[in-house]
């Protein structure tokens, strides 16, 4: 959850800085998860020419944020390198916290019970001082990366978090009045959205639930099974039966038996036909 929050805040700030007029409606949980997966595959070493396909990453981001391909490749690589370092630091802090709590929970029994509490107090003080220093460093680093106008929003809305102020200001494309109006409308719609530590963040910066993310991906990318897809299209039956084809040779009707030759008869005149005689005797009819 914390890693996705870091990726979303850094990506929004990067796009808003280099593309002030860009449409940020395409930045959602899907693209944040994609960037986080790319950074996890790269590992702590960060992007390089061998393990990072800059063209594929730029094409994917261009599909969600039009104009992203115009950003110089070196700037994108520096952003990914910096973001990879932030994620590795966050993972190290998450790994150190449970280990320190486990060490504090396991207090071995020593033969000097009077000196052990003093040592524990000193360790706790040093751990608290280190945690305070880390928190202060994070706060100063976050203040340096804030967009112009975020401090004004935090003064006007004390219950608003830094991530939410950054998101609203990026959504308003740097317009402070529109960002204030969006925060006021969001507060009037539901006060429950401003209560609780996790509710301070907008929906796109919160860690998505597994069921919500699954339903969102299915709804956006699944093939729509509509009534049009279930129709069966059949060809129209011809209104009239097709005519039988007759083969012609020299414009003369012939049979279709496959003869290789034909009789060519010259037409005879009627006078010539009148000279013909029938040599066959006439049939005799006998009546009984």
C-alpha atoms as a PDB file:
ATOM      1  CA  UNK A   1       0.000   0.000   0.000  1.00  0.00           C
ATOM      2  CA  UNK A   2       2.759   2.445   0.979  1.00  0.00           C
ATOM      3  CA  UNK A   3       4.747   1.622  -2.165  1.00  0.00           C
ATOM      4  CA  UNK A   4       1.794   2.312  -4.460  1.00  0.00           C
ATOM      5  CA  UNK A   5       1.212   5.578  -2.607  1.00  0.00           C
ATOM      6  CA  UNK A   6       4.808   6.632  -3.261  1.00  0.00           C
ATOM      7  CA  UNK A   7       4.560   5.661  -6.955  1.00  0.00           C
ATOM      8  CA  UNK A   8       1.276   7.530  -7.449  1.00  0.00           C
ATOM      9  CA  UNK A   9       2.511  10.728  -5.794  1.00  0.00           C
ATOM     10  CA  UNK A  10       5.811  10.710  -7.721  1.00  0.00           C
ATOM     11  CA  UNK A  11       4.138   9.938 -11.062  1.00  0.00           C
ATOM     12  CA  UNK A  12       1.530  12.666 -10.625  1.00  0.00           C
ATOM     13  CA  UNK A  13       4.182  15.231  -9.699  1.00  0.00           C
ATOM     14  CA  UNK A  14       6.366  14.196 -12.670  1.00  0.00           C
ATOM     15  CA  UNK A  15       3.531  14.433 -15.216  1.00  0.00           C
ATOM     16  CA  UNK A  16       2.285  17.727 -13.792  1.00  0.00           C
ATOM     17  CA  UNK A  17       5.800  19.193 -13.938  1.00  0.00           C
ATOM     18  CA  UNK A  18       6.611  18.198 -17.538  1.00  0.00           C
ATOM     19  CA  UNK A  19       3.067  18.163 -19.003  1.00  0.00           C
ATOM     20  CA  UNK A  20       1.035  20.913 -17.260  1.00  0.00           C
ATOM     21  CA  UNK A  21      -1.828  20.620 -19.767  1.00  0.00           C
ATOM     22  CA  UNK A  22      -1.985  16.821 -19.759  1.00  0.00           C
ATOM     23  CA  UNK A  23      -5.192  14.954 -18.948  1.00  0.00           C
ATOM     24  CA  UNK A  24      -4.618  13.000 -15.729  1.00  0.00           C
ATOM     25  CA  UNK A  25      -7.876  11.046 -15.848  1.00  0.00           C
ATOM     26  CA  UNK A  26      -6.038   8.034 -17.310  1.00  0.00           C
ATOM     27  CA  UNK A  27      -3.814   7.658 -14.239  1.00  0.00           C
ATOM     28  CA  UNK A  28      -5.532   5.028 -12.115  1.00  0.00           C
ATOM     29  CA  UNK A  29      -4.746   1.939 -10.053  1.00  0.00           C
ATOM     30  CA  UNK A  30      -3.896  -0.063 -13.182  1.00  0.00           C
ATOM     31  CA  UNK A  31      -1.085   2.208 -14.374  1.00  0.00           C
ATOM     32  CA  UNK A  32       0.217   2.658 -10.815  1.00  0.00           C
ATOM     33  CA  UNK A  33       0.369  -1.128 -10.392  1.00  0.00           C
ATOM     34  CA  UNK A  34       2.111  -1.424 -13.782  1.00  0.00           C
ATOM     35  CA  UNK A  35       4.827   1.097 -12.845  1.00  0.00           C
ATOM     36  CA  UNK A  36       5.281  -0.572  -9.452  1.00  0.00           C
ATOM     37  CA  UNK A  37       5.646  -3.972 -11.147  1.00  0.00           C
ATOM     38  CA  UNK A  38       8.252  -2.584 -13.561  1.00  0.00           C
ATOM     39  CA  UNK A  39      10.254  -1.119 -10.687  1.00  0.00           C
ATOM     40  CA  UNK A  40      10.039  -4.372  -8.708  1.00  0.00           C
ATOM     41  CA  UNK A  41      11.343  -6.300 -11.723  1.00  0.00           C
ATOM     42  CA  UNK A  42      14.265  -3.897 -12.058  1.00  0.00           C
ATOM     43  CA  UNK A  43      15.300  -4.396  -8.427  1.00  0.00           C
ATOM     44  CA  UNK A  44      17.372  -2.052  -6.263  1.00  0.00           C
ATOM     45  CA  UNK A  45      19.925  -1.482  -9.037  1.00  0.00           C
ATOM     46  CA  UNK A  46      17.436   0.676 -10.940  1.00  0.00           C
ATOM     47  CA  UNK A  47      16.823   0.925 -14.698  1.00  0.00           C
ATOM     48  CA  UNK A  48      19.592   0.353 -17.215  1.00  0.00           C
ATOM     49  CA  UNK A  49      19.842  -0.333 -20.938  1.00  0.00           C
ATOM     50  CA  UNK A  50      20.002  -4.080 -20.313  1.00  0.00           C
ATOM     51  CA  UNK A  51      17.063  -4.627 -17.959  1.00  0.00           C
ATOM     52  CA  UNK A  52      14.730  -1.726 -18.845  1.00  0.00           C
ATOM     53  CA  UNK A  53      12.848  -1.371 -22.146  1.00  0.00           C
ATOM     54  CA  UNK A  54      12.392   2.380 -22.419  1.00  0.00           C
ATOM     55  CA  UNK A  55      10.370   2.250 -25.665  1.00  0.00           C
ATOM     56  CA  UNK A  56       7.805  -0.223 -24.307  1.00  0.00           C
ATOM     57  CA  UNK A  57       7.430   1.779 -21.095  1.00  0.00           C
ATOM     58  CA  UNK A  58       6.994   5.026 -23.047  1.00  0.00           C
ATOM     59  CA  UNK A  59       4.367   3.476 -25.345  1.00  0.00           C
ATOM     60  CA  UNK A  60       2.405   2.179 -22.352  1.00  0.00           C
ATOM     61  CA  UNK A  61       2.502   5.561 -20.602  1.00  0.00           C
ATOM     62  CA  UNK A  62       1.581   7.348 -23.850  1.00  0.00           C
ATOM     63  CA  UNK A  63      -1.597   5.259 -24.023  1.00  0.00           C
ATOM     64  CA  UNK A  64      -2.676   6.500 -20.587  1.00  0.00           C
ATOM     65  CA  UNK A  65      -1.166  10.025 -20.634  1.00  0.00           C
ATOM     66  CA  UNK A  66      -1.179  11.589 -24.133  1.00  0.00           C
ATOM     67  CA  UNK A  67       2.029  13.539 -24.709  1.00  0.00           C
ATOM     68  CA  UNK A  68       4.192  11.398 -22.421  1.00  0.00           C
ATOM     69  CA  UNK A  69       6.301  10.283 -25.398  1.00  0.00           C
ATOM     70  CA  UNK A  70       7.491  13.867 -25.934  1.00  0.00           C
ATOM     71  CA  UNK A  71       9.310  13.874 -22.572  1.00  0.00           C
ATOM     72  CA  UNK A  72      13.056  13.247 -23.065  1.00  0.00           C
ATOM     73  CA  UNK A  73      14.144   9.667 -22.437  1.00  0.00           C
ATOM     74  CA  UNK A  74      16.907  10.807 -20.104  1.00  0.00           C
ATOM     75  CA  UNK A  75      14.411  12.640 -17.893  1.00  0.00           C
ATOM     76  CA  UNK A  76      12.207   9.544 -17.712  1.00  0.00           C
ATOM     77  CA  UNK A  77      15.222   7.397 -16.831  1.00  0.00           C
ATOM     78  CA  UNK A  78      16.247   9.792 -14.050  1.00  0.00           C
ATOM     79  CA  UNK A  79      12.710   9.718 -12.654  1.00  0.00           C
ATOM     80  CA  UNK A  80      12.645   5.913 -12.664  1.00  0.00           C
ATOM     81  CA  UNK A  81      16.086   5.798 -11.027  1.00  0.00           C
ATOM     82  CA  UNK A  82      14.984   8.186  -8.277  1.00  0.00           C
ATOM     83  CA  UNK A  83      11.702   6.346  -7.767  1.00  0.00           C
ATOM     84  CA  UNK A  84      13.526   3.009  -7.544  1.00  0.00           C
ATOM     85  CA  UNK A  85      15.732   4.444  -4.794  1.00  0.00           C
ATOM     86  CA  UNK A  86      12.704   5.721  -2.876  1.00  0.00           C
ATOM     87  CA  UNK A  87      11.018   2.319  -3.077  1.00  0.00           C
ATOM     88  CA  UNK A  88      14.156   0.508  -1.891  1.00  0.00           C
ATOM     89  CA  UNK A  89      14.435   2.884   1.089  1.00  0.00           C
ATOM     90  CA  UNK A  90      10.766   2.308   1.931  1.00  0.00           C
ATOM     91  CA  UNK A  91      11.240  -1.488   1.750  1.00  0.00           C
ATOM     92  CA  UNK A  92      14.282  -1.306   4.020  1.00  0.00           C
ATOM     93  CA  UNK A  93      12.335   0.705   6.586  1.00  0.00           C
ATOM     94  CA  UNK A  94       9.439  -1.762   6.468  1.00  0.00           C
ATOM     95  CA  UNK A  95      11.857  -4.672   6.960  1.00  0.00           C
ATOM     96  CA  UNK A  96      13.669  -2.991   9.856  1.00  0.00           C
ATOM     97  CA  UNK A  97      10.534  -2.107  11.831  1.00  0.00           C
ATOM     98  CA  UNK A  98       9.288  -5.691  12.495  1.00  0.00           C
ATOM     99  CA  UNK A  99      12.833  -6.831  13.292  1.00  0.00           C
ATOM    100  CA  UNK A 100      13.325  -4.064  15.870  1.00  0.00           C
ATOM    101  CA  UNK A 101       9.946  -4.829  17.458  1.00  0.00           C
ATOM    102  CA  UNK A 102      10.842  -8.523  17.627  1.00  0.00           C
ATOM    103  CA  UNK A 103      14.196  -7.754  19.257  1.00  0.00           C
ATOM    104  CA  UNK A 104      12.550  -5.542  21.835  1.00  0.00           C
ATOM    105  CA  UNK A 105       9.965  -8.226  22.603  1.00  0.00           C
ATOM    106  CA  UNK A 106      12.645 -10.850  23.248  1.00  0.00           C
ATOM    107  CA  UNK A 107      14.397  -9.672  26.444  1.00  0.00           C
ATOM    108  CA  UNK A 108      16.884 -12.322  27.577  1.00  0.00           C
ATOM    109  CA  UNK A 109      17.281 -13.016  31.260  1.00  0.00           C
ATOM    110  CA  UNK A 110      20.651 -11.728  32.435  1.00  0.00           C
ATOM    111  CA  UNK A 111      22.379 -12.222  35.763  1.00  0.00           C
ATOM    112  CA  UNK A 112      22.512  -8.433  36.245  1.00  0.00           C
ATOM    113  CA  UNK A 113      18.860  -7.319  36.450  1.00  0.00           C
ATOM    114  CA  UNK A 114      19.776  -3.817  37.598  1.00  0.00           C
ATOM    115  CA  UNK A 115      21.909  -2.901  34.577  1.00  0.00           C
ATOM    116  CA  UNK A 116      19.535  -4.351  31.908  1.00  0.00           C
ATOM    117  CA  UNK A 117      16.751  -1.725  32.258  1.00  0.00           C
ATOM    118  CA  UNK A 118      19.287   1.056  31.816  1.00  0.00           C
ATOM    119  CA  UNK A 119      20.576  -0.524  28.605  1.00  0.00           C
ATOM    120  CA  UNK A 120      17.008  -0.934  27.326  1.00  0.00           C
ATOM    121  CA  UNK A 121      16.282   2.707  28.075  1.00  0.00           C
ATOM    122  CA  UNK A 122      19.360   3.816  26.175  1.00  0.00           C
ATOM    123  CA  UNK A 123      18.434   1.601  23.201  1.00  0.00           C
ATOM    124  CA  UNK A 124      14.875   2.915  23.181  1.00  0.00           C
ATOM    125  CA  UNK A 125      16.116   6.510  23.317  1.00  0.00           C
ATOM    126  CA  UNK A 126      18.518   5.939  20.424  1.00  0.00           C
ATOM    127  CA  UNK A 127      15.807   4.206  18.383  1.00  0.00           C
ATOM    128  CA  UNK A 128      13.371   7.049  19.074  1.00  0.00           C
ATOM    129  CA  UNK A 129      15.988   9.628  18.078  1.00  0.00           C
ATOM    130  CA  UNK A 130      16.730   7.745  14.848  1.00  0.00           C
ATOM    131  CA  UNK A 131      13.012   7.476  14.042  1.00  0.00           C
ATOM    132  CA  UNK A 132      12.528  11.195  14.695  1.00  0.00           C
ATOM    133  CA  UNK A 133      15.478  12.016  12.434  1.00  0.00           C
ATOM    134  CA  UNK A 134      14.072   9.800   9.658  1.00  0.00           C
ATOM    135  CA  UNK A 135      10.653  11.422  10.022  1.00  0.00           C
ATOM    136  CA  UNK A 136      12.189  14.879   9.841  1.00  0.00           C
ATOM    137  CA  UNK A 137      14.194  13.932   6.743  1.00  0.00           C
ATOM    138  CA  UNK A 138      11.063  12.555   5.089  1.00  0.00           C
ATOM    139  CA  UNK A 139       9.139  15.710   5.946  1.00  0.00           C
ATOM    140  CA  UNK A 140      11.849  17.976   4.524  1.00  0.00           C
ATOM    141  CA  UNK A 141      12.121  15.822   1.381  1.00  0.00           C
ATOM    142  CA  UNK A 142       8.348  15.886   0.945  1.00  0.00           C
ATOM    143  CA  UNK A 143       8.247  19.657   1.378  1.00  0.00           C
ATOM    144  CA  UNK A 144      10.892  20.061  -1.321  1.00  0.00           C
ATOM    145  CA  UNK A 145       8.851  17.959  -3.763  1.00  0.00           C
ATOM    146  CA  UNK A 146       5.542  19.735  -3.074  1.00  0.00           C
ATOM    147  CA  UNK A 147       3.787  21.400  -5.954  1.00  0.00           C
ATOM    148  CA  UNK A 148       3.272  25.173  -5.751  1.00  0.00           C
ATOM    149  CA  UNK A 149       0.037  25.880  -3.886  1.00  0.00           C
ATOM    150  CA  UNK A 150      -0.026  22.710  -1.775  1.00  0.00           C
ATOM    151  CA  UNK A 151       0.949  24.639   1.356  1.00  0.00           C
ATOM    152  CA  UNK A 152      -1.984  27.003   0.793  1.00  0.00           C
ATOM    153  CA  UNK A 153      -4.400  24.076   0.520  1.00  0.00           C
ATOM    154  CA  UNK A 154      -2.991  22.546   3.701  1.00  0.00           C
ATOM    155  CA  UNK A 155      -3.538  25.828   5.548  1.00  0.00           C
ATOM    156  CA  UNK A 156      -7.123  26.166   4.325  1.00  0.00           C
ATOM    157  CA  UNK A 157      -7.956  22.471   4.892  1.00  0.00           C
ATOM    158  CA  UNK A 158      -6.042  21.204   7.948  1.00  0.00           C
ATOM    159  CA  UNK A 159      -7.619  17.742   7.744  1.00  0.00           C
ATOM    160  CA  UNK A 160      -6.469  17.299   4.145  1.00  0.00           C
ATOM    161  CA  UNK A 161      -3.339  15.190   3.660  1.00  0.00           C
ATOM    162  CA  UNK A 162      -0.353  16.148   1.518  1.00  0.00           C
ATOM    163  CA  UNK A 163      -1.071  13.404  -1.038  1.00  0.00           C
ATOM    164  CA  UNK A 164      -4.678  14.506  -1.393  1.00  0.00           C
ATOM    165  CA  UNK A 165      -3.657  18.149  -1.824  1.00  0.00           C
ATOM    166  CA  UNK A 166      -1.139  17.142  -4.506  1.00  0.00           C
ATOM    167  CA  UNK A 167      -3.729  15.031  -6.296  1.00  0.00           C
ATOM    168  CA  UNK A 168      -6.413  17.726  -6.266  1.00  0.00           C
ATOM    169  CA  UNK A 169      -3.963  20.390  -7.429  1.00  0.00           C
ATOM    170  CA  UNK A 170      -2.726  18.142 -10.230  1.00  0.00           C
ATOM    171  CA  UNK A 171      -6.311  17.355 -11.216  1.00  0.00           C
ATOM    172  CA  UNK A 172      -7.063  21.083 -11.355  1.00  0.00           C
ATOM    173  CA  UNK A 173      -3.932  21.592 -13.520  1.00  0.00           C
ATOM    174  CA  UNK A 174      -2.408  24.098 -11.107  1.00  0.00           C
ATOM    175  CA  UNK A 175      -5.546  26.233 -10.705  1.00  0.00           C
ATOM    176  CA  UNK A 176      -5.733  26.961  -6.970  1.00  0.00           C
ATOM    177  CA  UNK A 177      -9.343  28.184  -6.991  1.00  0.00           C
ATOM    178  CA  UNK A 178     -10.573  25.091  -8.814  1.00  0.00           C
ATOM    179  CA  UNK A 179      -8.623  22.866  -6.406  1.00  0.00           C
ATOM    180  CA  UNK A 180     -10.262  24.590  -3.423  1.00  0.00           C
ATOM    181  CA  UNK A 181     -13.680  24.151  -5.050  1.00  0.00           C
ATOM    182  CA  UNK A 182     -13.018  20.440  -5.616  1.00  0.00           C
ATOM    183  CA  UNK A 183     -12.013  19.965  -1.974  1.00  0.00           C
ATOM    184  CA  UNK A 184     -15.108  21.834  -0.758  1.00  0.00           C
ATOM    185  CA  UNK A 185     -17.425  19.768  -2.952  1.00  0.00           C
ATOM    186  CA  UNK A 186     -15.762  16.554  -1.864  1.00  0.00           C
ATOM    187  CA  UNK A 187     -16.150  17.521   1.795  1.00  0.00           C
ATOM    188  CA  UNK A 188     -19.824  18.378   1.362  1.00  0.00           C
ATOM    189  CA  UNK A 189     -20.613  15.129  -0.439  1.00  0.00           C
ATOM    190  CA  UNK A 190     -19.547  12.859   2.398  1.00  0.00           C
ATOM    191  CA  UNK A 191     -17.845  13.761   5.685  1.00  0.00           C
ATOM    192  CA  UNK A 192     -17.001  10.092   6.181  1.00  0.00           C
ATOM    193  CA  UNK A 193     -14.451  10.425   3.389  1.00  0.00           C
ATOM    194  CA  UNK A 194     -12.410  12.777   5.625  1.00  0.00           C
ATOM    195  CA  UNK A 195     -12.363  10.574   8.738  1.00  0.00           C
ATOM    196  CA  UNK A 196      -9.772   7.968   9.627  1.00  0.00           C
ATOM    197  CA  UNK A 197      -6.112   7.682   8.650  1.00  0.00           C
ATOM    198  CA  UNK A 198      -6.766   5.781   5.445  1.00  0.00           C
ATOM    199  CA  UNK A 199      -9.719   7.928   4.424  1.00  0.00           C
ATOM    200  CA  UNK A 200      -7.612  11.095   4.149  1.00  0.00           C
ATOM    201  CA  UNK A 201      -6.304   9.914   0.789  1.00  0.00           C
ATOM    202  CA  UNK A 202      -8.335  10.147  -2.408  1.00  0.00           C
ATOM    203  CA  UNK A 203      -9.610   6.949  -3.935  1.00  0.00           C
ATOM    204  CA  UNK A 204      -6.886   6.752  -6.580  1.00  0.00           C
ATOM    205  CA  UNK A 205      -4.111   7.143  -4.000  1.00  0.00           C
ATOM    206  CA  UNK A 206      -5.493   4.541  -1.603  1.00  0.00           C
ATOM    207  CA  UNK A 207      -4.337   0.987  -1.888  1.00  0.00           C
ATOM    208  CA  UNK A 208      -7.014  -0.827  -3.929  1.00  0.00           C
ATOM    209  CA  UNK A 209      -8.663  -3.902  -2.517  1.00  0.00           C
ATOM    210  CA  UNK A 210      -8.145  -7.117  -4.412  1.00  0.00           C
ATOM    211  CA  UNK A 211     -11.846  -7.542  -5.282  1.00  0.00           C
ATOM    212  CA  UNK A 212     -12.191  -3.913  -6.341  1.00  0.00           C
ATOM    213  CA  UNK A 213      -9.086  -4.087  -8.512  1.00  0.00           C
ATOM    214  CA  UNK A 214     -10.251  -7.339 -10.122  1.00  0.00           C
ATOM    215  CA  UNK A 215     -13.722  -5.986 -10.895  1.00  0.00           C
ATOM    216  CA  UNK A 216     -12.211  -2.745 -12.230  1.00  0.00           C
ATOM    217  CA  UNK A 217      -9.860  -4.572 -14.595  1.00  0.00           C
ATOM    218  CA  UNK A 218     -12.634  -6.895 -15.803  1.00  0.00           C
ATOM    219  CA  UNK A 219     -15.012  -4.006 -16.360  1.00  0.00           C
ATOM    220  CA  UNK A 220     -12.434  -1.983 -18.314  1.00  0.00           C
ATOM    221  CA  UNK A 221     -10.747  -4.668 -20.406  1.00  0.00           C
ATOM    222  CA  UNK A 222     -13.151  -7.643 -20.580  1.00  0.00           C
ATOM    223  CA  UNK A 223     -14.986  -8.382 -23.811  1.00  0.00           C
ATOM    224  CA  UNK A 224     -18.543  -7.066 -23.591  1.00  0.00           C
ATOM    225  CA  UNK A 225     -21.070  -9.877 -24.108  1.00  0.00           C
ATOM    226  CA  UNK A 226     -23.942  -7.880 -25.545  1.00  0.00           C
ATOM    227  CA  UNK A 227     -27.017  -8.983 -27.457  1.00  0.00           C
ATOM    228  CA  UNK A 228     -25.336  -7.951 -30.705  1.00  0.00           C
ATOM    229  CA  UNK A 229     -22.631 -10.572 -30.149  1.00  0.00           C
ATOM    230  CA  UNK A 230     -25.235 -13.310 -29.692  1.00  0.00           C
ATOM    231  CA  UNK A 231     -27.003 -12.717 -33.016  1.00  0.00           C
ATOM    232  CA  UNK A 232     -26.503 -15.210 -35.854  1.00  0.00           C
ATOM    233  CA  UNK A 233     -26.165 -13.519 -39.219  1.00  0.00           C
ATOM    234  CA  UNK A 234     -27.385 -15.682 -42.098  1.00  0.00           C
ATOM    235  CA  UNK A 235     -27.182 -14.718 -45.787  1.00  0.00           C
ATOM    236  CA  UNK A 236     -30.364 -13.656 -47.537  1.00  0.00           C
ATOM    237  CA  UNK A 237     -31.997 -16.356 -49.664  1.00  0.00           C
ATOM    238  CA  UNK A 238     -32.134 -15.436 -53.370  1.00  0.00           C
ATOM    239  CA  UNK A 239     -35.572 -14.360 -54.576  1.00  0.00           C
ATOM    240  CA  UNK A 240     -35.206 -16.186 -57.903  1.00  0.00           C
ATOM    241  CA  UNK A 241     -33.519 -19.464 -58.695  1.00  0.00           C
ATOM    242  CA  UNK A 242     -30.281 -19.011 -60.603  1.00  0.00           C
ATOM    243  CA  UNK A 243     -30.528 -19.641 -64.311  1.00  0.00           C
ATOM    244  CA  UNK A 244     -28.986 -22.782 -65.710  1.00  0.00           C
ATOM    245  CA  UNK A 245     -25.835 -22.042 -67.575  1.00  0.00           C
ATOM    246  CA  UNK A 246     -25.657 -23.136 -71.217  1.00  0.00           C
ATOM    247  CA  UNK A 247     -22.350 -23.390 -72.962  1.00  0.00           C
ATOM    248  CA  UNK A 248     -22.022 -21.904 -76.427  1.00  0.00           C
ATOM    249  CA  UNK A 249     -19.571 -22.503 -79.264  1.00  0.00           C
ATOM    250  CA  UNK A 250     -19.620 -19.913 -82.018  1.00  0.00           C
ATOM    251  CA  UNK A 251     -22.990 -18.735 -80.750  1.00  0.00           C
ATOM    252  CA  UNK A 252     -24.444 -22.211 -81.322  1.00  0.00           C
ATOM    253  CA  UNK A 253     -26.102 -24.257 -78.609  1.00  0.00           C
ATOM    254  CA  UNK A 254     -24.300 -27.552 -78.066  1.00  0.00           C
ATOM    255  CA  UNK A 255     -24.633 -30.355 -75.564  1.00  0.00           C
ATOM    256  CA  UNK A 256     -22.668 -30.580 -72.312  1.00  0.00           C
ATOM    257  CA  UNK A 257     -21.374 -34.100 -72.900  1.00  0.00           C
ATOM    258  CA  UNK A 258     -17.866 -32.952 -73.627  1.00  0.00           C
ATOM    259  CA  UNK A 259     -17.562 -33.537 -77.390  1.00  0.00           C
ATOM    260  CA  UNK A 260     -14.328 -32.425 -78.959  1.00  0.00           C
ATOM    261  CA  UNK A 261     -15.877 -31.564 -82.319  1.00  0.00           C
ATOM    262  CA  UNK A 262     -19.249 -30.706 -83.824  1.00  0.00           C
ATOM    263  CA  UNK A 263     -20.932 -30.897 -87.193  1.00  0.00           C
ATOM    264  CA  UNK A 264     -20.944 -27.659 -89.050  1.00  0.00           C
ATOM    265  CA  UNK A 265     -23.978 -27.604 -91.320  1.00  0.00           C
ATOM    266  CA  UNK A 266     -24.532 -24.901 -93.826  1.00  0.00           C
ATOM    267  CA  UNK A 267     -28.080 -23.636 -93.944  1.00  0.00           C
ATOM    268  CA  UNK A 268     -30.040 -24.835 -97.007  1.00  0.00           C
ATOM    269  CA  UNK A 269     -32.488 -22.836 -98.993  1.00  0.00           C
ATOM    270  CA  UNK A 270     -36.180 -23.627 -99.106  1.00  0.00           C
ATOM    271  CA  UNK A 271     -35.997 -24.402-102.839  1.00  0.00           C
ATOM    272  CA  UNK A 272     -33.411 -27.062-102.183  1.00  0.00           C
ATOM    273  CA  UNK A 273     -35.547 -28.614 -99.466  1.00  0.00           C
ATOM    274  CA  UNK A 274     -38.451 -28.895-101.936  1.00  0.00           C
ATOM    275  CA  UNK A 275     -36.462 -31.254-104.150  1.00  0.00           C
ATOM    276  CA  UNK A 276     -36.045 -33.833-101.403  1.00  0.00           C
ATOM    277  CA  UNK A 277     -38.069 -37.031-101.751  1.00  0.00           C
ATOM    278  CA  UNK A 278     -38.848 -39.686 -99.177  1.00  0.00           C
ATOM    279  CA  UNK A 279     -37.770 -43.122-100.401  1.00  0.00           C
ATOM    280  CA  UNK A 280     -39.280 -44.923 -97.442  1.00  0.00           C
ATOM    281  CA  UNK A 281     -42.571 -46.652 -98.384  1.00  0.00           C
ATOM    282  CA  UNK A 282     -45.664 -45.500 -96.614  1.00  0.00           C
ATOM    283  CA  UNK A 283     -46.870 -47.587 -93.691  1.00  0.00           C
ATOM    284  CA  UNK A 284     -49.860 -49.735 -94.380  1.00  0.00           C
ATOM    285  CA  UNK A 285     -52.662 -49.532 -91.845  1.00  0.00           C
ATOM    286  CA  UNK A 286     -54.864 -52.558 -91.453  1.00  0.00           C
ATOM    287  CA  UNK A 287     -58.144 -52.291 -89.668  1.00  0.00           C
ATOM    288  CA  UNK A 288     -59.614 -55.436 -88.218  1.00  0.00           C
END
